[in-house]
Amino acid sequence: MAEKNTAERAVQIAPNLGSRLSAKLLSPMLLWATVTRTVDATEAAADVINIIDLPAGAELVPDLMKVANDGAGGTSVVISKIGDAEDDDRYSATNIALTAAGNVSVTPTNAIVVTPFKITETTKTIKATLAGTLPMTAGKKIVFKVPYLVVV
């Protein structure tokens, strides 16, 4: 039986100290932003919620991301996409229902999990697109729990 290394492991054990992987890259810090959007009942289909600006160089971890709400109302209201200015569905692969109260884990695209994306100045604003029959009920809350990695 042969043993195979990941690219990171191969660099980590490199015989040349100068080419070894920095411990900082192996242990990035996982941070969480918990942000709330209070519905004002003026939202319409295709409106975009600007969730939060993340620091350039960070990596959003969509497979840990959650969206909770207290029953925003409307008919079949969903967040249809979570992404950024360059790719409006970079981080999500399925709709997230908002009509009834719930706490939903984001289903990320396979591509973003296999090849994480480093946030740039252009892509730092994380965005959610609304769809369905609106309006929602004023005063209801949509809470986004956004995990991201930073190298410290």
C-alpha atoms as a PDB file:
ATOM      1  CA  MET A   1       0.000   0.000   0.000  1.00  0.00           C
ATOM      2  CA  ALA A   2       1.416   3.369  -1.042  1.00  0.00           C
ATOM      3  CA  GLU A   3       0.960   6.543   0.995  1.00  0.00           C
ATOM      4  CA  LYS A   4       0.095   9.731  -0.862  1.00  0.00           C
ATOM      5  CA  ASN A   5       0.446  13.284   0.486  1.00  0.00           C
ATOM      6  CA  THR A   6      -1.755  16.295  -0.049  1.00  0.00           C
ATOM      7  CA  ALA A   7      -0.021  19.278  -1.655  1.00  0.00           C
ATOM      8  CA  GLU A   8       0.062  20.998   1.749  1.00  0.00           C
ATOM      9  CA  ARG A   9       1.610  17.976   3.481  1.00  0.00           C
ATOM     10  CA  ALA A  10       4.278  17.678   0.784  1.00  0.00           C
ATOM     11  CA  VAL A  11       5.309  21.292   1.307  1.00  0.00           C
ATOM     12  CA  GLN A  12       5.082  20.928   5.087  1.00  0.00           C
ATOM     13  CA  ILE A  13       7.673  18.129   5.128  1.00  0.00           C
ATOM     14  CA  ALA A  14       9.925  19.600   2.437  1.00  0.00           C
ATOM     15  CA  PRO A  15      13.608  19.032   3.266  1.00  0.00           C
ATOM     16  CA  ASN A  16      14.478  22.644   2.414  1.00  0.00           C
ATOM     17  CA  LEU A  17      13.363  24.880   5.303  1.00  0.00           C
ATOM     18  CA  GLY A  18      12.858  27.824   2.950  1.00  0.00           C
ATOM     19  CA  SER A  19      10.203  25.988   0.976  1.00  0.00           C
ATOM     20  CA  ARG A  20       8.229  24.613   3.935  1.00  0.00           C
ATOM     21  CA  LEU A  21       4.667  25.693   4.421  1.00  0.00           C
ATOM     22  CA  SER A  22       4.197  28.363   7.061  1.00  0.00           C
ATOM     23  CA  ALA A  23       2.341  27.216  10.173  1.00  0.00           C
ATOM     24  CA  LYS A  24       0.162  30.321   9.731  1.00  0.00           C
ATOM     25  CA  LEU A  25      -1.215  28.858   6.502  1.00  0.00           C
ATOM     26  CA  LEU A  26      -2.048  25.588   8.246  1.00  0.00           C
ATOM     27  CA  SER A  27      -3.873  27.302  11.102  1.00  0.00           C
ATOM     28  CA  PRO A  28      -5.929  30.200   9.782  1.00  0.00           C
ATOM     29  CA  MET A  29      -8.350  31.794  12.210  1.00  0.00           C
ATOM     30  CA  LEU A  30     -12.054  31.031  11.734  1.00  0.00           C
ATOM     31  CA  LEU A  31     -14.124  34.128  12.435  1.00  0.00           C
ATOM     32  CA  TRP A  32     -17.896  34.593  12.404  1.00  0.00           C
ATOM     33  CA  ALA A  33     -19.947  37.590  11.423  1.00  0.00           C
ATOM     34  CA  THR A  34     -23.550  37.465  12.623  1.00  0.00           C
ATOM     35  CA  VAL A  35     -25.556  40.156  10.856  1.00  0.00           C
ATOM     36  CA  THR A  36     -29.248  40.973  10.714  1.00  0.00           C
ATOM     37  CA  ARG A  37     -31.491  42.458   8.038  1.00  0.00           C
ATOM     38  CA  THR A  38     -34.800  43.765   9.343  1.00  0.00           C
ATOM     39  CA  VAL A  39     -37.504  43.486   6.688  1.00  0.00           C
ATOM     40  CA  ASP A  40     -39.134  46.825   5.788  1.00  0.00           C
ATOM     41  CA  ALA A  41     -41.801  45.376   3.425  1.00  0.00           C
ATOM     42  CA  THR A  42     -40.426  47.284   0.420  1.00  0.00           C
ATOM     43  CA  GLU A  43     -38.355  44.341  -0.797  1.00  0.00           C
ATOM     44  CA  ALA A  44     -39.131  42.969  -4.258  1.00  0.00           C
ATOM     45  CA  ALA A  45     -38.101  39.926  -6.268  1.00  0.00           C
ATOM     46  CA  ALA A  46     -34.533  40.254  -7.552  1.00  0.00           C
ATOM     47  CA  ASP A  47     -33.619  42.758  -4.816  1.00  0.00           C
ATOM     48  CA  VAL A  48     -30.187  42.191  -3.336  1.00  0.00           C
ATOM     49  CA  ILE A  49     -29.336  42.235   0.366  1.00  0.00           C
ATOM     50  CA  ASN A  50     -25.766  43.393   0.937  1.00  0.00           C
ATOM     51  CA  ILE A  51     -24.908  41.085   3.830  1.00  0.00           C
ATOM     52  CA  ILE A  52     -21.439  42.191   4.916  1.00  0.00           C
ATOM     53  CA  ASP A  53     -18.030  43.266   3.640  1.00  0.00           C
ATOM     54  CA  LEU A  54     -15.311  40.726   4.424  1.00  0.00           C
ATOM     55  CA  PRO A  55     -11.612  41.581   4.427  1.00  0.00           C
ATOM     56  CA  ALA A  56      -9.653  41.082   1.219  1.00  0.00           C
ATOM     57  CA  GLY A  57      -7.689  37.843   1.413  1.00  0.00           C
ATOM     58  CA  ALA A  58     -10.261  36.088   3.600  1.00  0.00           C
ATOM     59  CA  GLU A  59     -12.111  32.953   2.484  1.00  0.00           C
ATOM     60  CA  LEU A  60     -15.819  32.589   3.179  1.00  0.00           C
ATOM     61  CA  VAL A  61     -16.635  29.047   4.390  1.00  0.00           C
ATOM     62  CA  PRO A  62     -20.060  28.480   2.814  1.00  0.00           C
ATOM     63  CA  ASP A  63     -20.520  24.936   4.087  1.00  0.00           C
ATOM     64  CA  LEU A  64     -20.701  26.372   7.633  1.00  0.00           C
ATOM     65  CA  MET A  65     -22.890  29.376   6.726  1.00  0.00           C
ATOM     66  CA  LYS A  66     -26.440  29.607   8.101  1.00  0.00           C
ATOM     67  CA  VAL A  67     -29.471  31.789   7.443  1.00  0.00           C
ATOM     68  CA  ALA A  68     -32.182  32.101  10.089  1.00  0.00           C
ATOM     69  CA  ASN A  69     -35.437  34.036  10.033  1.00  0.00           C
ATOM     70  CA  ASP A  70     -38.553  34.447  12.130  1.00  0.00           C
ATOM     71  CA  GLY A  71     -41.055  33.833   9.348  1.00  0.00           C
ATOM     72  CA  ALA A  72     -40.598  36.716   6.944  1.00  0.00           C
ATOM     73  CA  GLY A  73     -43.933  36.068   5.204  1.00  0.00           C
ATOM     74  CA  GLY A  74     -44.777  36.500   1.546  1.00  0.00           C
ATOM     75  CA  THR A  75     -45.447  33.530  -0.713  1.00  0.00           C
ATOM     76  CA  SER A  76     -42.591  31.154  -1.445  1.00  0.00           C
ATOM     77  CA  VAL A  77     -40.063  33.876  -0.598  1.00  0.00           C
ATOM     78  CA  VAL A  78     -36.510  32.597  -0.864  1.00  0.00           C
ATOM     79  CA  ILE A  79     -32.945  33.693  -1.026  1.00  0.00           C
ATOM     80  CA  SER A  80     -32.182  32.330  -4.465  1.00  0.00           C
ATOM     81  CA  LYS A  81     -28.458  33.096  -4.521  1.00  0.00           C
ATOM     82  CA  ILE A  82     -25.579  34.063  -2.268  1.00  0.00           C
ATOM     83  CA  GLY A  83     -22.546  35.494  -3.988  1.00  0.00           C
ATOM     84  CA  ASP A  84     -20.668  38.695  -4.695  1.00  0.00           C
ATOM     85  CA  ALA A  85     -20.248  41.398  -7.357  1.00  0.00           C
ATOM     86  CA  GLU A  86     -18.457  39.067  -9.796  1.00  0.00           C
ATOM     87  CA  ASP A  87     -20.495  35.875  -9.265  1.00  0.00           C
ATOM     88  CA  ASP A  88     -23.962  36.251  -7.764  1.00  0.00           C
ATOM     89  CA  ASP A  89     -24.244  32.555  -6.829  1.00  0.00           C
ATOM     90  CA  ARG A  90     -20.627  31.793  -5.930  1.00  0.00           C
ATOM     91  CA  TYR A  91     -21.491  30.465  -2.462  1.00  0.00           C
ATOM     92  CA  SER A  92     -24.929  28.819  -2.722  1.00  0.00           C
ATOM     93  CA  ALA A  93     -26.387  26.010  -4.795  1.00  0.00           C
ATOM     94  CA  THR A  94     -30.012  25.902  -3.564  1.00  0.00           C
ATOM     95  CA  ASN A  95     -32.811  28.237  -2.462  1.00  0.00           C
ATOM     96  CA  ILE A  96     -33.185  29.195   1.196  1.00  0.00           C
ATOM     97  CA  ALA A  97     -36.830  29.515   2.230  1.00  0.00           C
ATOM     98  CA  LEU A  98     -37.838  32.623   4.203  1.00  0.00           C
ATOM     99  CA  THR A  99     -41.647  32.346   4.273  1.00  0.00           C
ATOM    100  CA  ALA A 100     -41.762  30.241   7.466  1.00  0.00           C
ATOM    101  CA  ALA A 101     -39.432  30.581  10.449  1.00  0.00           C
ATOM    102  CA  GLY A 102     -36.305  28.487  10.247  1.00  0.00           C
ATOM    103  CA  ASN A 103     -32.559  28.106  10.574  1.00  0.00           C
ATOM    104  CA  VAL A 104     -31.052  26.754   7.364  1.00  0.00           C
ATOM    105  CA  SER A 105     -27.528  25.664   6.513  1.00  0.00           C
ATOM    106  CA  VAL A 106     -26.389  27.006   3.166  1.00  0.00           C
ATOM    107  CA  THR A 107     -25.802  24.320   0.544  1.00  0.00           C
ATOM    108  CA  PRO A 108     -22.634  25.495  -1.166  1.00  0.00           C
ATOM    109  CA  THR A 109     -21.624  24.897  -4.744  1.00  0.00           C
ATOM    110  CA  ASN A 110     -19.214  21.999  -5.102  1.00  0.00           C
ATOM    111  CA  ALA A 111     -16.716  24.245  -6.902  1.00  0.00           C
ATOM    112  CA  ILE A 112     -16.364  26.667  -3.960  1.00  0.00           C
ATOM    113  CA  VAL A 113     -15.721  23.830  -1.505  1.00  0.00           C
ATOM    114  CA  VAL A 114     -13.137  22.127  -3.734  1.00  0.00           C
ATOM    115  CA  THR A 115     -11.471  25.409  -4.749  1.00  0.00           C
ATOM    116  CA  PRO A 116     -11.963  28.059  -2.046  1.00  0.00           C
ATOM    117  CA  PHE A 117     -12.099  31.652  -3.267  1.00  0.00           C
ATOM    118  CA  LYS A 118      -9.914  34.405  -1.802  1.00  0.00           C
ATOM    119  CA  ILE A 119     -11.951  37.565  -1.384  1.00  0.00           C
ATOM    120  CA  THR A 120     -10.725  40.661  -3.218  1.00  0.00           C
ATOM    121  CA  GLU A 121     -11.636  44.335  -2.960  1.00  0.00           C
ATOM    122  CA  THR A 122     -14.102  43.776  -5.811  1.00  0.00           C
ATOM    123  CA  THR A 123     -15.749  40.729  -4.210  1.00  0.00           C
ATOM    124  CA  LYS A 124     -15.681  41.743  -0.533  1.00  0.00           C
ATOM    125  CA  THR A 125     -19.426  42.498  -0.294  1.00  0.00           C
ATOM    126  CA  ILE A 126     -21.332  39.256   0.219  1.00  0.00           C
ATOM    127  CA  LYS A 127     -24.778  39.508  -1.372  1.00  0.00           C
ATOM    128  CA  ALA A 128     -28.065  37.578  -1.186  1.00  0.00           C
ATOM    129  CA  THR A 129     -30.688  37.762  -3.949  1.00  0.00           C
ATOM    130  CA  LEU A 130     -34.405  37.563  -3.085  1.00  0.00           C
ATOM    131  CA  ALA A 131     -37.003  35.726  -5.155  1.00  0.00           C
ATOM    132  CA  GLY A 132     -40.657  34.702  -4.811  1.00  0.00           C
ATOM    133  CA  THR A 133     -43.863  36.639  -4.249  1.00  0.00           C
ATOM    134  CA  LEU A 134     -43.123  39.581  -2.012  1.00  0.00           C
ATOM    135  CA  PRO A 135     -43.607  41.751   0.044  1.00  0.00           C
ATOM    136  CA  MET A 136     -42.490  40.176   3.276  1.00  0.00           C
ATOM    137  CA  THR A 137     -43.807  41.258   6.679  1.00  0.00           C
ATOM    138  CA  ALA A 138     -42.244  44.462   8.027  1.00  0.00           C
ATOM    139  CA  GLY A 139     -40.211  44.032  11.184  1.00  0.00           C
ATOM    140  CA  LYS A 140     -39.290  40.390  10.576  1.00  0.00           C
ATOM    141  CA  LYS A 141     -35.614  39.516  10.817  1.00  0.00           C
ATOM    142  CA  ILE A 142     -33.236  37.623   8.553  1.00  0.00           C
ATOM    143  CA  VAL A 143     -30.021  36.643  10.320  1.00  0.00           C
ATOM    144  CA  PHE A 144     -26.918  35.614   8.405  1.00  0.00           C
ATOM    145  CA  LYS A 145     -24.139  33.708  10.194  1.00  0.00           C
ATOM    146  CA  VAL A 146     -21.122  34.114   7.949  1.00  0.00           C
ATOM    147  CA  PRO A 147     -17.939  32.129   8.747  1.00  0.00           C
ATOM    148  CA  TYR A 148     -14.672  33.134   7.141  1.00  0.00           C
ATOM    149  CA  LEU A 149     -11.004  32.254   7.412  1.00  0.00           C
ATOM    150  CA  VAL A 150      -8.184  34.746   7.807  1.00  0.00           C
ATOM    151  CA  VAL A 151      -4.465  34.151   8.110  1.00  0.00           C
ATOM    152  CA  VAL A 152      -3.100  35.883  11.206  1.00  0.00           C
END
